N, C-alpha and C. Protein backbone atom coordinates (compact mmCIF):
# COMPACT_ATOMS: atom_id res chain seq x y z
N MET A 1 -40.37 -13.63 -35.21
CA MET A 1 -40.23 -12.77 -36.35
C MET A 1 -41.58 -12.08 -36.48
N PRO A 2 -41.56 -10.74 -36.83
CA PRO A 2 -42.82 -10.05 -37.00
C PRO A 2 -43.46 -10.52 -38.32
N SER A 3 -44.75 -10.47 -38.36
CA SER A 3 -45.48 -10.96 -39.51
C SER A 3 -45.42 -10.13 -40.77
N ASN A 4 -45.12 -8.81 -40.58
CA ASN A 4 -45.10 -7.98 -41.74
C ASN A 4 -43.68 -7.94 -42.49
N GLN A 5 -42.69 -8.64 -42.11
CA GLN A 5 -41.49 -8.70 -42.75
C GLN A 5 -41.45 -10.02 -43.66
N LYS A 6 -40.79 -9.81 -44.81
CA LYS A 6 -40.77 -10.88 -45.80
C LYS A 6 -39.34 -11.41 -45.78
N ILE A 7 -39.26 -12.62 -46.04
CA ILE A 7 -37.91 -13.25 -46.17
C ILE A 7 -37.46 -13.12 -47.65
N VAL A 8 -36.42 -12.46 -47.86
CA VAL A 8 -35.84 -12.32 -49.19
C VAL A 8 -34.67 -13.34 -49.45
N LYS A 9 -34.82 -14.04 -50.42
CA LYS A 9 -33.83 -15.10 -50.75
C LYS A 9 -32.90 -14.42 -51.76
N THR A 10 -31.63 -14.52 -51.56
CA THR A 10 -30.67 -13.89 -52.48
C THR A 10 -30.11 -14.93 -53.33
N LYS A 11 -29.89 -14.47 -54.56
CA LYS A 11 -29.28 -15.42 -55.57
C LYS A 11 -27.76 -15.27 -55.43
N PRO A 12 -27.13 -16.32 -55.80
CA PRO A 12 -25.69 -16.20 -55.77
C PRO A 12 -25.28 -15.20 -56.88
N ALA A 13 -24.18 -14.51 -56.80
CA ALA A 13 -23.78 -13.52 -57.69
C ALA A 13 -23.45 -14.15 -59.01
N ASP A 14 -23.87 -13.40 -60.10
CA ASP A 14 -23.58 -13.97 -61.42
C ASP A 14 -22.17 -13.97 -61.65
N SER A 15 -21.78 -14.88 -62.44
CA SER A 15 -20.37 -15.08 -62.69
C SER A 15 -19.88 -14.07 -63.70
N PRO A 16 -18.66 -13.67 -63.76
CA PRO A 16 -18.16 -12.66 -64.76
C PRO A 16 -18.41 -13.06 -66.15
N LYS A 17 -18.32 -14.43 -66.40
CA LYS A 17 -18.58 -14.95 -67.75
C LYS A 17 -19.97 -14.62 -68.16
N ARG A 18 -20.97 -14.93 -67.29
CA ARG A 18 -22.28 -14.71 -67.55
C ARG A 18 -22.63 -13.20 -67.78
N ILE A 19 -22.03 -12.35 -67.00
CA ILE A 19 -22.17 -10.86 -67.15
C ILE A 19 -21.70 -10.45 -68.53
N SER A 20 -20.61 -10.99 -68.90
CA SER A 20 -19.90 -10.62 -70.22
C SER A 20 -20.87 -11.09 -71.34
N GLU A 21 -21.44 -12.30 -71.19
CA GLU A 21 -22.37 -12.74 -72.28
C GLU A 21 -23.59 -11.83 -72.36
N LEU A 22 -24.13 -11.37 -71.21
CA LEU A 22 -25.31 -10.51 -71.21
C LEU A 22 -24.98 -9.16 -71.76
N GLU A 23 -23.82 -8.68 -71.46
CA GLU A 23 -23.36 -7.40 -72.06
C GLU A 23 -23.22 -7.43 -73.51
N SER A 24 -22.72 -8.56 -74.05
CA SER A 24 -22.48 -8.83 -75.47
C SER A 24 -23.83 -8.78 -76.13
N LYS A 25 -24.78 -9.63 -75.58
CA LYS A 25 -26.06 -9.77 -76.11
C LYS A 25 -26.79 -8.38 -76.14
N ASN A 26 -26.65 -7.67 -74.99
CA ASN A 26 -27.25 -6.39 -74.96
C ASN A 26 -26.71 -5.41 -76.04
N LYS A 27 -25.41 -5.34 -76.19
CA LYS A 27 -24.85 -4.63 -77.27
C LYS A 27 -25.33 -5.01 -78.64
N GLU A 28 -25.46 -6.38 -78.91
CA GLU A 28 -25.90 -6.87 -80.28
C GLU A 28 -27.40 -6.43 -80.45
N LEU A 29 -28.25 -6.45 -79.42
CA LEU A 29 -29.58 -6.06 -79.50
C LEU A 29 -29.73 -4.51 -79.80
N GLN A 30 -28.85 -3.72 -79.12
CA GLN A 30 -28.86 -2.31 -79.32
C GLN A 30 -28.47 -1.97 -80.78
N GLU A 31 -27.47 -2.71 -81.31
CA GLU A 31 -27.05 -2.46 -82.77
C GLU A 31 -28.24 -2.82 -83.66
N GLN A 32 -28.88 -3.90 -83.43
CA GLN A 32 -29.96 -4.42 -84.31
C GLN A 32 -31.17 -3.38 -84.19
N LEU A 33 -31.34 -2.86 -82.97
CA LEU A 33 -32.41 -1.83 -82.81
C LEU A 33 -32.06 -0.54 -83.70
N ALA A 34 -30.81 -0.16 -83.58
CA ALA A 34 -30.31 1.04 -84.26
C ALA A 34 -30.42 0.82 -85.74
N ARG A 35 -30.11 -0.28 -86.26
CA ARG A 35 -30.25 -0.65 -87.77
C ARG A 35 -31.72 -0.70 -88.10
N SER A 36 -32.48 -1.24 -87.30
CA SER A 36 -33.96 -1.33 -87.59
C SER A 36 -34.52 0.11 -87.63
N LEU A 37 -34.13 0.93 -86.66
CA LEU A 37 -34.73 2.27 -86.62
C LEU A 37 -34.23 3.01 -87.95
N ALA A 38 -32.94 2.89 -88.39
CA ALA A 38 -32.44 3.56 -89.49
C ALA A 38 -33.09 3.01 -90.80
N ASP A 39 -33.38 1.72 -90.89
CA ASP A 39 -34.07 1.13 -92.03
C ASP A 39 -35.55 1.65 -92.03
N TYR A 40 -36.12 1.75 -90.94
CA TYR A 40 -37.57 2.31 -90.89
C TYR A 40 -37.54 3.75 -91.28
N ALA A 41 -36.57 4.62 -90.82
CA ALA A 41 -36.51 6.04 -91.28
C ALA A 41 -36.31 6.09 -92.77
N ASN A 42 -35.33 5.26 -93.38
CA ASN A 42 -35.25 5.19 -94.82
C ASN A 42 -36.47 4.80 -95.54
N LEU A 43 -37.20 3.80 -95.07
CA LEU A 43 -38.39 3.35 -95.69
C LEU A 43 -39.39 4.48 -95.70
N GLU A 44 -39.53 5.29 -94.65
CA GLU A 44 -40.43 6.30 -94.48
C GLU A 44 -40.10 7.35 -95.60
N LYS A 45 -38.80 7.72 -95.72
CA LYS A 45 -38.42 8.67 -96.64
C LYS A 45 -38.67 8.22 -98.07
N ARG A 46 -38.39 6.97 -98.37
CA ARG A 46 -38.69 6.36 -99.74
C ARG A 46 -40.21 6.47 -99.96
N ILE A 47 -40.99 6.13 -99.11
CA ILE A 47 -42.48 6.10 -99.30
C ILE A 47 -42.90 7.61 -99.52
N ASP A 48 -42.37 8.54 -98.74
CA ASP A 48 -42.71 9.93 -98.91
C ASP A 48 -42.31 10.42 -100.35
N ASN A 49 -41.10 10.04 -100.71
CA ASN A 49 -40.57 10.43 -102.03
C ASN A 49 -41.44 9.84 -103.13
N GLN A 50 -41.89 8.52 -103.00
CA GLN A 50 -42.80 7.88 -103.96
C GLN A 50 -44.10 8.55 -103.99
N ARG A 51 -44.64 8.89 -102.86
CA ARG A 51 -45.94 9.55 -102.85
C ARG A 51 -45.89 10.91 -103.44
N GLN A 52 -44.80 11.63 -103.24
CA GLN A 52 -44.65 12.92 -103.86
C GLN A 52 -44.49 12.82 -105.37
N MET A 53 -43.78 11.80 -105.73
CA MET A 53 -43.63 11.55 -107.28
C MET A 53 -44.94 11.23 -107.94
N PHE A 54 -45.81 10.44 -107.32
CA PHE A 54 -47.08 10.14 -107.81
C PHE A 54 -47.99 11.41 -107.90
N VAL A 55 -47.97 12.16 -106.85
CA VAL A 55 -48.72 13.44 -106.86
C VAL A 55 -48.23 14.35 -108.00
N THR A 56 -46.88 14.48 -108.12
CA THR A 56 -46.35 15.29 -109.10
C THR A 56 -46.76 14.79 -110.55
N LEU A 57 -46.68 13.50 -110.76
CA LEU A 57 -47.12 12.92 -112.06
C LEU A 57 -48.50 13.20 -112.42
N ALA A 58 -49.36 12.99 -111.36
CA ALA A 58 -50.79 13.22 -111.52
C ALA A 58 -51.06 14.71 -111.93
N THR A 59 -50.38 15.63 -111.22
CA THR A 59 -50.48 17.04 -111.37
C THR A 59 -50.06 17.41 -112.73
N VAL A 60 -48.90 16.92 -113.21
CA VAL A 60 -48.46 17.24 -114.44
C VAL A 60 -49.44 16.76 -115.66
N SER A 61 -49.96 15.63 -115.43
CA SER A 61 -50.88 15.03 -116.39
C SER A 61 -52.11 15.99 -116.55
N ILE A 62 -52.64 16.37 -115.46
CA ILE A 62 -53.86 17.26 -115.38
C ILE A 62 -53.53 18.64 -116.00
N ILE A 63 -52.41 19.17 -115.57
CA ILE A 63 -52.06 20.54 -115.91
C ILE A 63 -51.81 20.50 -117.53
N ILE A 64 -51.26 19.56 -118.02
CA ILE A 64 -50.93 19.48 -119.49
C ILE A 64 -52.35 19.44 -120.28
N LYS A 65 -53.33 18.72 -119.70
CA LYS A 65 -54.64 18.81 -120.40
C LYS A 65 -55.24 20.16 -120.25
N MET A 66 -55.08 20.82 -119.09
CA MET A 66 -55.63 22.16 -118.94
C MET A 66 -54.92 23.20 -119.82
N ILE A 67 -53.63 23.02 -120.06
CA ILE A 67 -52.82 23.91 -120.97
C ILE A 67 -53.45 23.76 -122.39
N ASP A 68 -53.76 22.59 -122.82
CA ASP A 68 -54.41 22.49 -124.16
C ASP A 68 -55.78 23.30 -124.24
N ILE A 69 -56.52 23.18 -123.10
CA ILE A 69 -57.84 23.90 -123.08
C ILE A 69 -57.48 25.44 -123.15
N LEU A 70 -56.40 25.86 -122.34
CA LEU A 70 -56.04 27.27 -122.33
C LEU A 70 -55.68 27.73 -123.74
N ASP A 71 -54.92 26.86 -124.46
CA ASP A 71 -54.56 27.23 -125.81
C ASP A 71 -55.81 27.55 -126.64
N ASP A 72 -56.81 26.58 -126.58
CA ASP A 72 -58.11 26.84 -127.28
C ASP A 72 -58.82 28.11 -126.92
N LEU A 73 -58.88 28.30 -125.60
CA LEU A 73 -59.52 29.48 -125.13
C LEU A 73 -58.89 30.77 -125.66
N ARG A 74 -57.50 30.81 -125.61
CA ARG A 74 -56.80 31.96 -126.13
C ARG A 74 -57.02 32.14 -127.69
N LEU A 75 -57.12 31.06 -128.40
CA LEU A 75 -57.30 31.16 -129.82
C LEU A 75 -58.73 31.74 -129.95
N SER A 76 -59.70 31.32 -129.26
CA SER A 76 -61.05 31.69 -129.34
C SER A 76 -61.07 33.20 -129.06
N GLN A 77 -60.37 33.67 -128.02
CA GLN A 77 -60.35 35.04 -127.60
C GLN A 77 -59.75 35.99 -128.72
N THR A 78 -58.74 35.46 -129.42
CA THR A 78 -58.13 36.11 -130.52
C THR A 78 -59.11 36.45 -131.66
N HIS A 79 -60.04 35.49 -131.83
CA HIS A 79 -61.08 35.69 -132.89
C HIS A 79 -62.27 36.50 -132.40
N LEU A 80 -62.72 36.28 -131.17
CA LEU A 80 -63.96 36.76 -130.64
C LEU A 80 -63.71 38.19 -130.00
N GLN A 81 -62.68 38.36 -129.38
CA GLN A 81 -62.32 39.59 -128.66
C GLN A 81 -63.49 39.91 -127.62
N ASP A 82 -63.93 38.87 -126.83
CA ASP A 82 -64.97 38.93 -125.91
C ASP A 82 -64.38 39.38 -124.54
N PRO A 83 -64.75 40.41 -123.90
CA PRO A 83 -64.24 40.78 -122.62
C PRO A 83 -64.56 39.83 -121.53
N GLY A 84 -65.75 39.18 -121.58
CA GLY A 84 -66.05 38.09 -120.58
C GLY A 84 -65.15 36.94 -120.68
N LEU A 85 -64.85 36.55 -121.87
CA LEU A 85 -63.91 35.43 -122.08
C LEU A 85 -62.53 35.69 -121.67
N LYS A 86 -62.06 36.94 -121.85
CA LYS A 86 -60.84 37.31 -121.39
C LYS A 86 -60.76 37.31 -119.87
N ILE A 87 -61.71 37.67 -119.15
CA ILE A 87 -61.77 37.65 -117.66
C ILE A 87 -61.65 36.13 -117.24
N SER A 88 -62.38 35.31 -117.94
CA SER A 88 -62.36 33.86 -117.59
C SER A 88 -60.95 33.26 -117.83
N ILE A 89 -60.40 33.64 -118.99
CA ILE A 89 -59.07 33.18 -119.22
C ILE A 89 -57.97 33.59 -118.16
N ASP A 90 -58.11 34.86 -117.74
CA ASP A 90 -57.27 35.42 -116.72
C ASP A 90 -57.39 34.62 -115.39
N LYS A 91 -58.71 34.32 -115.04
CA LYS A 91 -58.92 33.50 -113.88
C LYS A 91 -58.35 32.20 -113.97
N PHE A 92 -58.47 31.58 -115.08
CA PHE A 92 -58.02 30.27 -115.37
C PHE A 92 -56.38 30.23 -115.30
N VAL A 93 -55.78 31.27 -115.88
CA VAL A 93 -54.29 31.36 -115.83
C VAL A 93 -53.83 31.57 -114.38
N ASN A 94 -54.60 32.41 -113.60
CA ASN A 94 -54.19 32.61 -112.23
C ASN A 94 -54.33 31.38 -111.34
N ALA A 95 -55.37 30.56 -111.64
CA ALA A 95 -55.52 29.29 -110.96
C ALA A 95 -54.35 28.33 -111.28
N LEU A 96 -53.98 28.29 -112.47
CA LEU A 96 -52.82 27.46 -112.91
C LEU A 96 -51.49 27.89 -112.30
N LYS A 97 -51.37 29.25 -112.27
CA LYS A 97 -50.13 29.74 -111.65
C LYS A 97 -50.08 29.44 -110.17
N ALA A 98 -51.21 29.44 -109.48
CA ALA A 98 -51.24 29.10 -108.06
C ALA A 98 -50.82 27.68 -107.87
N GLU A 99 -50.89 26.84 -108.91
CA GLU A 99 -50.52 25.44 -108.85
C GLU A 99 -49.06 25.23 -109.21
N GLY A 100 -48.32 26.40 -109.57
CA GLY A 100 -46.92 26.41 -109.89
C GLY A 100 -46.60 26.46 -111.36
N LEU A 101 -47.56 26.73 -112.19
CA LEU A 101 -47.35 26.76 -113.62
C LEU A 101 -46.87 28.15 -114.02
N ASP A 102 -45.85 28.29 -114.84
CA ASP A 102 -45.36 29.51 -115.42
C ASP A 102 -45.14 29.39 -116.85
N GLU A 103 -45.54 30.50 -117.53
CA GLU A 103 -45.35 30.52 -119.05
C GLU A 103 -43.83 30.76 -119.24
N ILE A 104 -43.20 30.10 -120.20
CA ILE A 104 -41.80 30.36 -120.59
C ILE A 104 -41.73 31.76 -121.30
N ASN A 105 -40.88 32.61 -120.84
CA ASN A 105 -40.82 33.98 -121.43
C ASN A 105 -39.88 33.84 -122.52
N THR A 106 -40.43 34.24 -123.77
CA THR A 106 -39.58 34.23 -124.96
C THR A 106 -39.38 35.57 -125.56
N ASP A 107 -39.98 36.61 -124.90
CA ASP A 107 -39.84 38.08 -125.39
C ASP A 107 -38.38 38.49 -125.43
N GLY A 108 -37.89 38.86 -126.61
CA GLY A 108 -36.51 39.45 -126.73
C GLY A 108 -35.35 38.36 -126.33
N LYS A 109 -35.73 37.14 -126.38
CA LYS A 109 -34.80 36.11 -125.95
C LYS A 109 -34.15 35.49 -127.16
N ASN A 110 -33.08 34.85 -126.87
CA ASN A 110 -32.39 34.00 -127.91
C ASN A 110 -32.88 32.58 -127.73
N PHE A 111 -32.84 31.79 -128.75
CA PHE A 111 -33.31 30.42 -128.66
C PHE A 111 -32.47 29.67 -127.63
N ASP A 112 -33.26 28.98 -126.77
CA ASP A 112 -32.69 28.17 -125.69
C ASP A 112 -33.32 26.84 -125.70
N PRO A 113 -32.57 25.74 -126.22
CA PRO A 113 -33.09 24.45 -126.40
C PRO A 113 -33.57 23.75 -125.12
N ALA A 114 -33.25 24.24 -123.92
CA ALA A 114 -33.73 23.75 -122.73
C ALA A 114 -35.19 24.07 -122.48
N PHE A 115 -35.57 25.21 -123.12
CA PHE A 115 -36.98 25.61 -122.85
C PHE A 115 -37.79 25.90 -124.15
N MET A 116 -37.21 25.68 -125.27
CA MET A 116 -37.80 26.06 -126.58
C MET A 116 -37.52 24.92 -127.57
N GLU A 117 -38.45 24.80 -128.49
CA GLU A 117 -38.40 23.88 -129.63
C GLU A 117 -38.50 24.71 -130.84
N CYS A 118 -37.54 24.61 -131.72
CA CYS A 118 -37.55 25.38 -133.00
C CYS A 118 -38.41 24.66 -133.98
N VAL A 119 -39.51 25.24 -134.44
CA VAL A 119 -40.38 24.67 -135.36
C VAL A 119 -40.25 25.12 -136.79
N ASP A 120 -39.50 26.37 -136.89
CA ASP A 120 -39.28 26.86 -138.16
C ASP A 120 -38.21 27.99 -137.99
N THR A 121 -37.62 28.37 -139.16
CA THR A 121 -36.65 29.44 -139.16
C THR A 121 -37.17 30.52 -140.14
N GLY A 122 -36.74 31.71 -139.83
CA GLY A 122 -37.12 32.89 -140.73
C GLY A 122 -36.00 33.88 -140.74
N SER A 123 -36.19 34.85 -141.52
CA SER A 123 -35.16 35.92 -141.63
C SER A 123 -35.23 36.81 -140.48
N GLY A 124 -34.26 36.97 -139.84
CA GLY A 124 -34.13 37.81 -138.63
C GLY A 124 -32.71 37.66 -138.05
N GLN A 125 -32.58 38.28 -136.84
CA GLN A 125 -31.34 38.26 -136.19
C GLN A 125 -31.04 36.73 -135.80
N GLU A 126 -29.82 36.38 -136.04
CA GLU A 126 -29.37 35.03 -135.83
C GLU A 126 -29.68 34.54 -134.40
N ASN A 127 -30.41 33.40 -134.27
CA ASN A 127 -30.63 32.73 -133.03
C ASN A 127 -31.72 33.44 -132.16
N SER A 128 -32.26 34.47 -132.65
CA SER A 128 -33.37 35.24 -131.81
C SER A 128 -34.68 34.67 -132.09
N ILE A 129 -35.59 34.83 -131.24
CA ILE A 129 -37.01 34.33 -131.35
C ILE A 129 -37.70 35.40 -132.19
N ILE A 130 -38.23 34.94 -133.34
CA ILE A 130 -39.07 35.80 -134.25
C ILE A 130 -40.50 35.71 -133.79
N SER A 131 -41.02 34.60 -133.60
CA SER A 131 -42.44 34.47 -133.10
C SER A 131 -42.63 33.18 -132.33
N VAL A 132 -43.66 33.08 -131.69
CA VAL A 132 -44.13 31.96 -130.86
C VAL A 132 -45.28 31.22 -131.42
N LYS A 133 -45.14 30.08 -131.86
CA LYS A 133 -46.25 29.24 -132.38
C LYS A 133 -47.11 28.67 -131.34
N LYS A 134 -46.52 28.23 -130.23
CA LYS A 134 -47.23 27.68 -129.09
C LYS A 134 -46.41 27.98 -127.88
N ALA A 135 -47.10 28.56 -126.86
CA ALA A 135 -46.47 28.88 -125.65
C ALA A 135 -45.90 27.68 -124.88
N GLY A 136 -44.90 27.84 -124.22
CA GLY A 136 -44.22 26.77 -123.37
C GLY A 136 -44.51 27.09 -121.93
N TYR A 137 -44.41 25.94 -121.09
CA TYR A 137 -44.70 26.11 -119.70
C TYR A 137 -43.77 25.32 -118.81
N THR A 138 -43.50 25.81 -117.61
CA THR A 138 -42.84 25.13 -116.56
C THR A 138 -43.75 24.89 -115.46
N LEU A 139 -43.63 23.78 -114.80
CA LEU A 139 -44.34 23.53 -113.55
C LEU A 139 -43.34 23.32 -112.42
N ASN A 140 -43.42 24.19 -111.46
CA ASN A 140 -42.47 24.30 -110.40
C ASN A 140 -41.00 24.13 -110.85
N GLY A 141 -40.74 24.86 -111.89
CA GLY A 141 -39.35 24.95 -112.44
C GLY A 141 -38.98 23.91 -113.39
N GLN A 142 -39.79 22.90 -113.69
CA GLN A 142 -39.57 21.87 -114.61
C GLN A 142 -40.33 22.13 -115.88
N VAL A 143 -39.54 22.02 -117.06
CA VAL A 143 -40.36 22.22 -118.34
C VAL A 143 -41.25 21.04 -118.50
N ILE A 144 -42.58 21.34 -118.78
CA ILE A 144 -43.58 20.36 -119.07
C ILE A 144 -44.00 20.48 -120.48
N ARG A 145 -43.77 21.63 -121.09
CA ARG A 145 -43.98 21.79 -122.56
C ARG A 145 -43.12 22.95 -122.97
N PRO A 146 -42.12 22.65 -123.96
CA PRO A 146 -41.29 23.53 -124.42
C PRO A 146 -42.05 24.57 -125.36
N ALA A 147 -41.59 25.88 -125.36
CA ALA A 147 -42.22 26.81 -126.31
C ALA A 147 -41.86 26.43 -127.69
N GLN A 148 -42.86 26.45 -128.61
CA GLN A 148 -42.66 26.20 -129.97
C GLN A 148 -42.36 27.53 -130.65
N VAL A 149 -41.20 27.78 -131.19
CA VAL A 149 -40.87 29.02 -131.72
C VAL A 149 -40.28 29.06 -133.06
N VAL A 150 -40.28 30.26 -133.77
CA VAL A 150 -39.67 30.42 -134.97
C VAL A 150 -38.36 31.22 -134.70
N VAL A 151 -37.24 30.76 -135.24
CA VAL A 151 -35.98 31.28 -134.84
C VAL A 151 -35.30 32.00 -136.03
N GLY A 152 -34.75 33.19 -135.72
CA GLY A 152 -34.13 33.91 -136.75
C GLY A 152 -32.87 33.30 -137.38
N LYS A 153 -32.73 33.35 -138.65
CA LYS A 153 -31.57 32.79 -139.32
C LYS A 153 -31.07 33.78 -140.34
N SER A 154 -29.94 34.36 -140.04
CA SER A 154 -29.46 35.39 -141.00
C SER A 154 -29.04 34.74 -142.34
N THR A 155 -29.44 35.35 -143.39
CA THR A 155 -29.10 34.95 -144.71
C THR A 155 -27.81 35.49 -145.19
N VAL A 156 -27.02 34.63 -145.79
CA VAL A 156 -25.72 35.15 -146.30
C VAL A 156 -25.84 35.22 -147.84
N LYS A 157 -25.65 36.47 -148.38
CA LYS A 157 -25.70 36.62 -149.87
C LYS A 157 -24.37 36.51 -150.44
N ASN A 158 -24.30 35.76 -151.62
CA ASN A 158 -22.98 35.63 -152.23
C ASN A 158 -22.92 36.62 -153.40
């Protein structure tokens, strides 16, 4: 026998029962793997959703504080009429808009409780906005501060 040939020992053929057991075990392991992969994908989605929720909450908290500062700056501008302050306010508003902040439009609108809070009523067209006491804002489409408005209330004379 040449020296470069190896002797291969053959195993007896596996019994059909053993093959069936191995196929069953293989199928079970594949199902466990599929469930584990699905569980992992769900966990990743849940973690991403939670992370996004925390970022949103932090953003809302900071934006609300900035809105209060914006209110004060606008009030100062009303009294001072300073052109430099107006430029700064406009830059500040644009920066907030870039983060998804929008002022709730009340011009010529009827009262909408989803976006507005009625702080007083006055004589005027029924259910229309007479004046705005405090501007309202949405952040990425969600109301973070409703507009505080005075709503018209028609008076009935007897």
